[in-house]
Amino acid sequence: MGDFSERVFQVVRQVPRGKVASYGQVARLIGAPRSARYVGYALRANPDPGAEVNGIPCHRVVFKDGSLCRGYAFGGPDVQREMLEEEGVAFADDEHVDMGACQWDGRLDADAEDGAADLPQAPPPDFDWDRELGD
């Protein structure tokens, strides 16, 4: 995998159970704002999907409005929803995660392995959650 994908995987590994991140949020956290689509491409090539230790829990990444990916690479939106519900993620309706209740705050674990300490530890000071979330 390339450097971009590895940075995406480092961030996604830190999204905790019961929380989700948006594609754009992951892009901002790796220092590549406006690259949400490429975050999706990287996750589509995820070499170790799942919530197991050392897995890359790509099912925890959703669109900024909380909708699930129709083309979820590992079984479709029904599988993604099942995985999220098993982790305690709340849904606002049949198709959207309750982002107000379940969006990850974006804090990275500086002590985590695989280079996470080299990533930004929080969104940049000019980070605009309203713009990022489409509010």
N, C-alpha and C. Protein backbone atom coordinates (compact mmCIF):
# COMPACT_ATOMS: atom_id res chain seq x y z
N MET A 1 0.84 -1.19 0.00
CA MET A 1 0.00 0.00 0.00
C MET A 1 0.88 1.25 0.00
N GLY A 2 0.33 2.31 -0.50
CA GLY A 2 1.06 3.56 -0.53
C GLY A 2 0.97 4.30 0.79
N ASP A 3 1.70 5.40 0.87
CA ASP A 3 1.75 6.21 2.10
C ASP A 3 0.37 6.75 2.46
N PHE A 4 -0.40 7.22 1.48
CA PHE A 4 -1.73 7.76 1.76
C PHE A 4 -2.60 6.69 2.41
N SER A 5 -2.63 5.51 1.81
CA SER A 5 -3.44 4.42 2.36
C SER A 5 -2.99 4.04 3.76
N GLU A 6 -1.71 3.98 3.98
CA GLU A 6 -1.21 3.62 5.31
C GLU A 6 -1.63 4.65 6.35
N ARG A 7 -1.61 5.93 5.99
CA ARG A 7 -2.07 6.97 6.93
C ARG A 7 -3.56 6.83 7.21
N VAL A 8 -4.33 6.51 6.17
CA VAL A 8 -5.77 6.28 6.36
C VAL A 8 -5.97 5.13 7.33
N PHE A 9 -5.27 4.02 7.11
CA PHE A 9 -5.44 2.85 7.97
C PHE A 9 -5.04 3.16 9.41
N GLN A 10 -4.00 3.95 9.60
CA GLN A 10 -3.57 4.31 10.96
C GLN A 10 -4.67 5.05 11.71
N VAL A 11 -5.33 5.97 11.04
CA VAL A 11 -6.41 6.72 11.68
C VAL A 11 -7.62 5.83 11.92
N VAL A 12 -8.02 5.09 10.92
CA VAL A 12 -9.23 4.26 11.04
C VAL A 12 -9.07 3.20 12.14
N ARG A 13 -7.87 2.69 12.33
CA ARG A 13 -7.64 1.73 13.42
C ARG A 13 -7.96 2.34 14.79
N GLN A 14 -7.95 3.66 14.89
CA GLN A 14 -8.16 4.31 16.18
C GLN A 14 -9.61 4.73 16.43
N VAL A 15 -10.49 4.55 15.45
CA VAL A 15 -11.90 4.87 15.67
C VAL A 15 -12.43 3.81 16.63
N PRO A 16 -12.87 4.22 17.81
CA PRO A 16 -13.28 3.23 18.83
C PRO A 16 -14.61 2.55 18.52
N ARG A 17 -14.79 1.38 19.12
CA ARG A 17 -16.07 0.68 19.03
C ARG A 17 -17.18 1.63 19.47
N GLY A 18 -18.30 1.57 18.78
CA GLY A 18 -19.43 2.41 19.15
C GLY A 18 -19.38 3.81 18.58
N LYS A 19 -18.34 4.12 17.82
CA LYS A 19 -18.17 5.44 17.20
C LYS A 19 -17.95 5.27 15.71
N VAL A 20 -18.19 6.34 14.97
CA VAL A 20 -17.93 6.36 13.53
C VAL A 20 -17.18 7.64 13.19
N ALA A 21 -16.54 7.63 12.04
CA ALA A 21 -15.89 8.82 11.49
C ALA A 21 -16.39 8.97 10.06
N SER A 22 -16.36 10.19 9.56
CA SER A 22 -16.73 10.40 8.16
C SER A 22 -15.47 10.30 7.29
N TYR A 23 -15.69 10.04 6.02
CA TYR A 23 -14.55 9.98 5.09
C TYR A 23 -13.78 11.30 5.11
N GLY A 24 -14.50 12.41 5.12
CA GLY A 24 -13.85 13.72 5.15
C GLY A 24 -13.09 13.96 6.44
N GLN A 25 -13.63 13.47 7.54
CA GLN A 25 -12.95 13.61 8.84
C GLN A 25 -11.62 12.87 8.80
N VAL A 26 -11.61 11.65 8.28
CA VAL A 26 -10.36 10.89 8.17
C VAL A 26 -9.38 11.64 7.28
N ALA A 27 -9.86 12.17 6.17
CA ALA A 27 -8.98 12.92 5.26
C ALA A 27 -8.35 14.10 5.97
N ARG A 28 -9.14 14.85 6.73
CA ARG A 28 -8.59 16.01 7.45
C ARG A 28 -7.56 15.56 8.49
N LEU A 29 -7.84 14.48 9.19
CA LEU A 29 -6.94 14.02 10.24
C LEU A 29 -5.59 13.54 9.71
N ILE A 30 -5.55 13.10 8.46
CA ILE A 30 -4.26 12.68 7.91
C ILE A 30 -3.57 13.82 7.18
N GLY A 31 -4.18 15.01 7.24
CA GLY A 31 -3.56 16.17 6.62
C GLY A 31 -3.83 16.29 5.14
N ALA A 32 -4.92 15.65 4.67
CA ALA A 32 -5.25 15.70 3.25
C ALA A 32 -6.72 16.12 3.08
N PRO A 33 -7.04 17.35 3.51
CA PRO A 33 -8.43 17.79 3.38
C PRO A 33 -8.88 17.72 1.92
N ARG A 34 -10.14 17.55 1.73
CA ARG A 34 -10.75 17.47 0.41
C ARG A 34 -10.37 16.20 -0.33
N SER A 35 -9.96 15.18 0.42
CA SER A 35 -9.58 13.90 -0.18
C SER A 35 -10.47 12.76 0.30
N ALA A 36 -11.69 13.09 0.69
CA ALA A 36 -12.60 12.07 1.23
C ALA A 36 -12.79 10.91 0.26
N ARG A 37 -12.93 11.22 -1.01
CA ARG A 37 -13.13 10.16 -2.01
C ARG A 37 -11.95 9.20 -2.03
N TYR A 38 -10.74 9.73 -1.86
CA TYR A 38 -9.55 8.89 -1.88
C TYR A 38 -9.44 8.05 -0.60
N VAL A 39 -9.98 8.56 0.50
CA VAL A 39 -10.07 7.75 1.72
C VAL A 39 -10.93 6.52 1.43
N GLY A 40 -12.04 6.73 0.73
CA GLY A 40 -12.89 5.61 0.34
C GLY A 40 -12.17 4.61 -0.54
N TYR A 41 -11.38 5.11 -1.50
CA TYR A 41 -10.62 4.21 -2.36
C TYR A 41 -9.62 3.39 -1.55
N ALA A 42 -8.96 4.04 -0.60
CA ALA A 42 -7.99 3.34 0.23
C ALA A 42 -8.69 2.25 1.04
N LEU A 43 -9.83 2.57 1.62
CA LEU A 43 -10.53 1.60 2.45
C LEU A 43 -11.09 0.44 1.61
N ARG A 44 -11.38 0.70 0.38
CA ARG A 44 -11.87 -0.38 -0.49
C ARG A 44 -10.79 -1.45 -0.68
N ALA A 45 -9.53 -1.04 -0.58
CA ALA A 45 -8.41 -1.97 -0.72
C ALA A 45 -7.89 -2.45 0.64
N ASN A 46 -8.69 -2.27 1.68
CA ASN A 46 -8.32 -2.63 3.04
C ASN A 46 -7.82 -4.08 3.10
N PRO A 47 -6.56 -4.30 3.49
CA PRO A 47 -6.03 -5.66 3.53
C PRO A 47 -6.47 -6.45 4.76
N ASP A 48 -7.05 -5.80 5.76
CA ASP A 48 -7.40 -6.50 7.00
C ASP A 48 -8.67 -5.92 7.62
N PRO A 49 -9.80 -6.06 6.91
CA PRO A 49 -11.05 -5.49 7.43
C PRO A 49 -11.52 -6.21 8.69
N GLY A 50 -12.22 -5.47 9.52
CA GLY A 50 -12.81 -6.07 10.71
C GLY A 50 -12.40 -5.38 11.97
N ALA A 51 -13.05 -5.77 13.05
CA ALA A 51 -12.84 -5.13 14.34
C ALA A 51 -11.87 -5.90 15.23
N GLU A 52 -11.26 -6.96 14.70
CA GLU A 52 -10.32 -7.73 15.49
C GLU A 52 -9.07 -6.90 15.80
N VAL A 53 -8.31 -7.35 16.77
CA VAL A 53 -7.06 -6.67 17.10
C VAL A 53 -6.23 -6.58 15.83
N ASN A 54 -5.66 -5.42 15.57
CA ASN A 54 -4.85 -5.13 14.39
C ASN A 54 -5.66 -5.04 13.10
N GLY A 55 -6.96 -5.22 13.19
CA GLY A 55 -7.80 -5.07 12.00
C GLY A 55 -7.99 -3.60 11.68
N ILE A 56 -8.48 -3.34 10.50
CA ILE A 56 -8.77 -1.97 10.07
C ILE A 56 -10.30 -1.89 9.97
N PRO A 57 -10.95 -1.31 10.97
CA PRO A 57 -12.41 -1.32 11.03
C PRO A 57 -13.08 -0.32 10.09
N CYS A 58 -12.94 -0.59 8.80
CA CYS A 58 -13.47 0.33 7.81
C CYS A 58 -14.99 0.46 7.88
N HIS A 59 -15.65 -0.48 8.53
CA HIS A 59 -17.11 -0.38 8.67
C HIS A 59 -17.49 0.82 9.55
N ARG A 60 -16.53 1.38 10.28
CA ARG A 60 -16.79 2.54 11.15
C ARG A 60 -16.66 3.87 10.41
N VAL A 61 -16.45 3.83 9.11
CA VAL A 61 -16.35 5.06 8.32
C VAL A 61 -17.61 5.18 7.46
N VAL A 62 -18.27 6.32 7.59
CA VAL A 62 -19.55 6.57 6.91
C VAL A 62 -19.50 7.94 6.23
N PHE A 63 -20.55 8.25 5.48
CA PHE A 63 -20.63 9.57 4.87
C PHE A 63 -20.94 10.62 5.93
N LYS A 64 -20.67 11.88 5.63
CA LYS A 64 -20.81 12.94 6.63
C LYS A 64 -22.23 13.08 7.14
N ASP A 65 -23.23 12.65 6.37
CA ASP A 65 -24.61 12.72 6.85
C ASP A 65 -25.02 11.47 7.62
N GLY A 66 -24.07 10.55 7.82
CA GLY A 66 -24.33 9.34 8.56
C GLY A 66 -24.79 8.17 7.70
N SER A 67 -24.92 8.39 6.40
CA SER A 67 -25.38 7.30 5.55
C SER A 67 -24.26 6.29 5.33
N LEU A 68 -24.68 5.07 5.07
CA LEU A 68 -23.75 3.97 4.85
C LEU A 68 -23.39 3.89 3.38
N CYS A 69 -22.28 3.27 3.11
CA CYS A 69 -21.82 3.14 1.74
C CYS A 69 -22.60 2.03 1.03
N ARG A 70 -23.28 2.38 -0.03
CA ARG A 70 -24.07 1.38 -0.77
C ARG A 70 -23.17 0.29 -1.34
N GLY A 71 -21.96 0.64 -1.68
CA GLY A 71 -21.03 -0.33 -2.24
C GLY A 71 -20.05 -0.85 -1.22
N TYR A 72 -20.47 -0.94 0.04
CA TYR A 72 -19.56 -1.40 1.09
C TYR A 72 -18.86 -2.66 0.61
N ALA A 73 -17.56 -2.59 0.51
CA ALA A 73 -16.77 -3.61 -0.17
C ALA A 73 -16.80 -4.98 0.50
N PHE A 74 -17.26 -5.07 1.72
CA PHE A 74 -17.16 -6.33 2.43
C PHE A 74 -18.52 -6.92 2.78
N GLY A 75 -19.53 -6.65 1.93
CA GLY A 75 -20.82 -7.26 2.15
C GLY A 75 -22.02 -6.37 1.95
N GLY A 76 -21.82 -5.11 1.65
CA GLY A 76 -22.94 -4.21 1.42
C GLY A 76 -23.39 -3.48 2.68
N PRO A 77 -24.32 -2.53 2.52
CA PRO A 77 -24.74 -1.70 3.65
C PRO A 77 -25.42 -2.48 4.77
N ASP A 78 -26.08 -3.59 4.43
CA ASP A 78 -26.72 -4.38 5.49
C ASP A 78 -25.69 -4.97 6.44
N VAL A 79 -24.58 -5.45 5.88
CA VAL A 79 -23.51 -6.02 6.70
C VAL A 79 -22.85 -4.91 7.52
N GLN A 80 -22.61 -3.76 6.89
CA GLN A 80 -22.02 -2.64 7.61
C GLN A 80 -22.91 -2.23 8.77
N ARG A 81 -24.20 -2.13 8.53
CA ARG A 81 -25.14 -1.74 9.59
C ARG A 81 -25.12 -2.76 10.73
N GLU A 82 -25.15 -4.05 10.39
CA GLU A 82 -25.11 -5.09 11.42
C GLU A 82 -23.86 -4.96 12.28
N MET A 83 -22.72 -4.74 11.64
CA MET A 83 -21.46 -4.61 12.38
C MET A 83 -21.52 -3.41 13.32
N LEU A 84 -22.04 -2.29 12.82
CA LEU A 84 -22.12 -1.08 13.65
C LEU A 84 -23.11 -1.28 14.81
N GLU A 85 -24.24 -1.87 14.53
CA GLU A 85 -25.23 -2.09 15.59
C GLU A 85 -24.67 -3.01 16.68
N GLU A 86 -23.90 -4.03 16.28
CA GLU A 86 -23.28 -4.93 17.25
C GLU A 86 -22.33 -4.18 18.18
N GLU A 87 -21.78 -3.07 17.71
CA GLU A 87 -20.86 -2.27 18.51
C GLU A 87 -21.57 -1.18 19.29
N GLY A 88 -22.89 -1.09 19.16
CA GLY A 88 -23.64 -0.10 19.91
C GLY A 88 -23.85 1.23 19.22
N VAL A 89 -23.57 1.30 17.92
CA VAL A 89 -23.78 2.54 17.18
C VAL A 89 -25.28 2.75 17.00
N ALA A 90 -25.74 3.96 17.34
CA ALA A 90 -27.17 4.29 17.22
C ALA A 90 -27.47 4.81 15.82
N PHE A 91 -28.66 4.50 15.34
CA PHE A 91 -29.10 4.97 14.03
C PHE A 91 -30.24 5.96 14.20
N ALA A 92 -30.21 7.01 13.40
CA ALA A 92 -31.25 8.04 13.42
C ALA A 92 -32.49 7.55 12.67
N ASP A 93 -32.28 6.72 11.65
CA ASP A 93 -33.37 6.13 10.87
C ASP A 93 -32.82 4.88 10.21
N ASP A 94 -33.52 4.34 9.24
CA ASP A 94 -33.11 3.09 8.61
C ASP A 94 -31.79 3.17 7.86
N GLU A 95 -31.39 4.37 7.45
CA GLU A 95 -30.22 4.50 6.58
C GLU A 95 -29.12 5.38 7.11
N HIS A 96 -29.29 6.00 8.29
CA HIS A 96 -28.30 6.98 8.76
C HIS A 96 -27.90 6.73 10.21
N VAL A 97 -26.60 6.74 10.43
CA VAL A 97 -26.07 6.71 11.80
C VAL A 97 -26.43 8.03 12.47
N ASP A 98 -26.71 7.99 13.75
CA ASP A 98 -26.95 9.21 14.53
C ASP A 98 -25.58 9.85 14.78
N MET A 99 -25.18 10.75 13.90
CA MET A 99 -23.85 11.36 13.98
C MET A 99 -23.68 12.19 15.24
N GLY A 100 -24.75 12.80 15.72
CA GLY A 100 -24.67 13.59 16.95
C GLY A 100 -24.28 12.74 18.14
N ALA A 101 -24.73 11.51 18.16
CA ALA A 101 -24.46 10.62 19.28
C ALA A 101 -23.21 9.77 19.07
N CYS A 102 -22.86 9.51 17.82
CA CYS A 102 -21.84 8.49 17.56
C CYS A 102 -20.60 8.94 16.80
N GLN A 103 -20.51 10.21 16.43
CA GLN A 103 -19.31 10.62 15.71
C GLN A 103 -18.12 10.70 16.65
N TRP A 104 -17.04 10.07 16.24
CA TRP A 104 -15.79 10.06 16.99
C TRP A 104 -15.25 11.47 17.08
N ASP A 105 -14.64 11.80 18.21
CA ASP A 105 -14.12 13.16 18.40
C ASP A 105 -12.79 13.39 17.68
N GLY A 106 -12.21 12.35 17.12
CA GLY A 106 -11.00 12.51 16.31
C GLY A 106 -9.71 12.53 17.08
N ARG A 107 -9.77 12.28 18.39
CA ARG A 107 -8.52 12.26 19.15
C ARG A 107 -7.75 10.99 18.84
N LEU A 108 -6.48 11.16 18.47
CA LEU A 108 -5.62 10.04 18.12
C LEU A 108 -4.80 9.62 19.33
N ASP A 109 -4.54 8.34 19.41
CA ASP A 109 -3.74 7.79 20.50
C ASP A 109 -2.26 7.90 20.12
N ALA A 110 -1.58 8.84 20.72
CA ALA A 110 -0.16 9.08 20.39
C ALA A 110 0.72 7.90 20.75
N ASP A 111 0.25 7.03 21.64
CA ASP A 111 1.04 5.87 22.05
C ASP A 111 0.78 4.64 21.19
N ALA A 112 -0.15 4.75 20.25
CA ALA A 112 -0.49 3.60 19.42
C ALA A 112 0.69 3.22 18.54
N GLU A 113 0.70 1.94 18.18
CA GLU A 113 1.75 1.46 17.29
C GLU A 113 1.50 1.93 15.87
N ASP A 114 2.31 1.52 14.99
CA ASP A 114 2.29 1.78 13.55
C ASP A 114 2.23 3.24 13.15
N GLY A 115 2.99 4.08 13.85
CA GLY A 115 3.22 5.44 13.38
C GLY A 115 2.13 6.44 13.65
N ALA A 116 1.14 6.10 14.46
CA ALA A 116 0.06 7.05 14.72
C ALA A 116 0.57 8.32 15.36
N ALA A 117 1.66 8.23 16.10
CA ALA A 117 2.21 9.41 16.75
C ALA A 117 2.71 10.43 15.72
N ASP A 118 2.96 9.98 14.49
CA ASP A 118 3.42 10.89 13.44
C ASP A 118 2.27 11.66 12.80
N LEU A 119 1.03 11.27 13.10
CA LEU A 119 -0.13 11.94 12.55
C LEU A 119 -0.52 13.10 13.45
N PRO A 120 -1.29 14.04 12.94
CA PRO A 120 -1.77 15.12 13.80
C PRO A 120 -2.55 14.53 14.97
N GLN A 121 -2.44 15.14 16.14
CA GLN A 121 -3.10 14.61 17.33
C GLN A 121 -4.51 15.14 17.51
N ALA A 122 -4.90 16.08 16.72
CA ALA A 122 -6.24 16.64 16.76
C ALA A 122 -6.46 17.38 15.46
N PRO A 123 -7.69 17.69 15.16
CA PRO A 123 -7.91 18.49 13.96
C PRO A 123 -7.16 19.82 14.06
N PRO A 124 -6.78 20.40 12.93
CA PRO A 124 -6.09 21.68 12.98
C PRO A 124 -6.97 22.77 13.61
N PRO A 125 -6.36 23.84 14.12
CA PRO A 125 -7.12 24.89 14.80
C PRO A 125 -8.23 25.50 13.94
N ASP A 126 -8.05 25.52 12.64
CA ASP A 126 -9.06 26.11 11.77
C ASP A 126 -10.10 25.09 11.29
N PHE A 127 -10.10 23.90 11.89
CA PHE A 127 -11.04 22.84 11.51
C PHE A 127 -12.46 23.31 11.75
N ASP A 128 -13.29 23.23 10.74
CA ASP A 128 -14.67 23.71 10.80
C ASP A 128 -15.61 22.51 10.75
N TRP A 129 -16.08 22.07 11.93
CA TRP A 129 -16.95 20.89 12.00
C TRP A 129 -18.23 21.12 11.22
N ASP A 130 -18.79 22.33 11.25
CA ASP A 130 -20.02 22.59 10.50
C ASP A 130 -19.83 22.39 9.01
N ARG A 131 -18.73 22.90 8.49
CA ARG A 131 -18.44 22.72 7.07
C ARG A 131 -18.17 21.25 6.77
N GLU A 132 -17.40 20.60 7.64
CA GLU A 132 -17.04 19.20 7.45
C GLU A 132 -18.26 18.29 7.47
N LEU A 133 -19.19 18.59 8.33
CA LEU A 133 -20.38 17.76 8.47
C LEU A 133 -21.52 18.22 7.57
N GLY A 134 -21.30 19.29 6.84
CA GLY A 134 -22.31 19.77 5.91
C GLY A 134 -23.47 20.49 6.57
N ASP A 135 -23.24 20.99 7.77
CA ASP A 135 -24.30 21.70 8.49
C ASP A 135 -24.43 23.13 8.02
